[in-house]
Amino acid sequence: MANATARLIATPITGALGARVQGADLRGPLSADLVDEIHALVDEHLVLFFPEQGIDDDQQFQFALRFGGPYVHPLGRAAGRTTAGAERIVDTVETPPFQDHWHTDVSWDVEPPTYGTLRAIEMPAKGGDTLWANAYLAYETLPADVQERIAHLDARHDMGFGAAFISKAGIEAVERTRAMFPGAVHPVVGVHPRTGRRYLNVNTSFTREIVGMDGDESAELLRTLFDQFVNPNLQVRWRWTVGDVVLWDEYATQHFAVADFMPARREMARVPVSPRG
């Protein structure tokens, strides 16, 4: 099988992050050497794009599990689900998109996902790109005095008002989830467990406040930190083709699903994984 011996070709897309990968066939089992090579590439490039793989839900799930353990979203856990799998994200007029904000997935969980995968199933005729931003650079390009100020701070994350989740899952499911998973506190400056690099660990979607600060001071500091991710110099943008698969590091990046395609339909499959692999 080609995957057993082939070396991957990774072509960087921007200077900040992201690489297009050739030489991997994700339809079948991957050798341990190939998984190690992909892991090294995602450490380096943070987001890997595998064009036109044409895999199904189970193949995507098996691919994701090579990089972590099964992860069930809190909405699923609150509903009693214990088994993980591919989650469909269907954006329509009736169920409008909600990921058009900078975020890292489920940062309001005590143990958020460590890697994410996404697969394009149905794309609109135009629009629907996804952007990723480099959270290492978001931290490293902060002024030294701001880095010093945030070095030992924590922030509180929660699922927010839930309007987006309500449109997808319903108000009863959201209220049940909110009661069972009220949020989590994480360091403002994270340290990546594989690379040891510091990254900025707050996001506009789910970070509510800096612990121990009054409301105005917290809001002002968070605005400064959030603004780091809107810098195009820190980003990569992917124009999807049906069948594309993307693997990314949830610690070291944030992403933004552009909602410029409405009222057209867009369907994706997402599989995140947990730290326990």
Foldseek 3Di string as FASTA:
>chain_A
DQLADDDKDWDADAPQAETEIPRDQLQDDHDPVSLVNVVVRCVVRQKYKYAQNPHDFVSVQVVQVSPFAADDDLLCVLVVDDGHTWDKDKDAPQQHDDQQFWDFPPQFAQFGFFKKKKAFADDFPDAFKKKKFFQLVLQVPDPPVLCVVQVFWKFKWAQPPCPNVCSVPNDVSVVSSCVVRVGHIDRQWDQDPPPRGIGGDDTPRTTDFIPPDDDVVGVVSVVVSHVSRVPCNRMDMDDGDHNMMMMGGSRGMIMGTDRPRPNDMTMMIMGTHTHHD
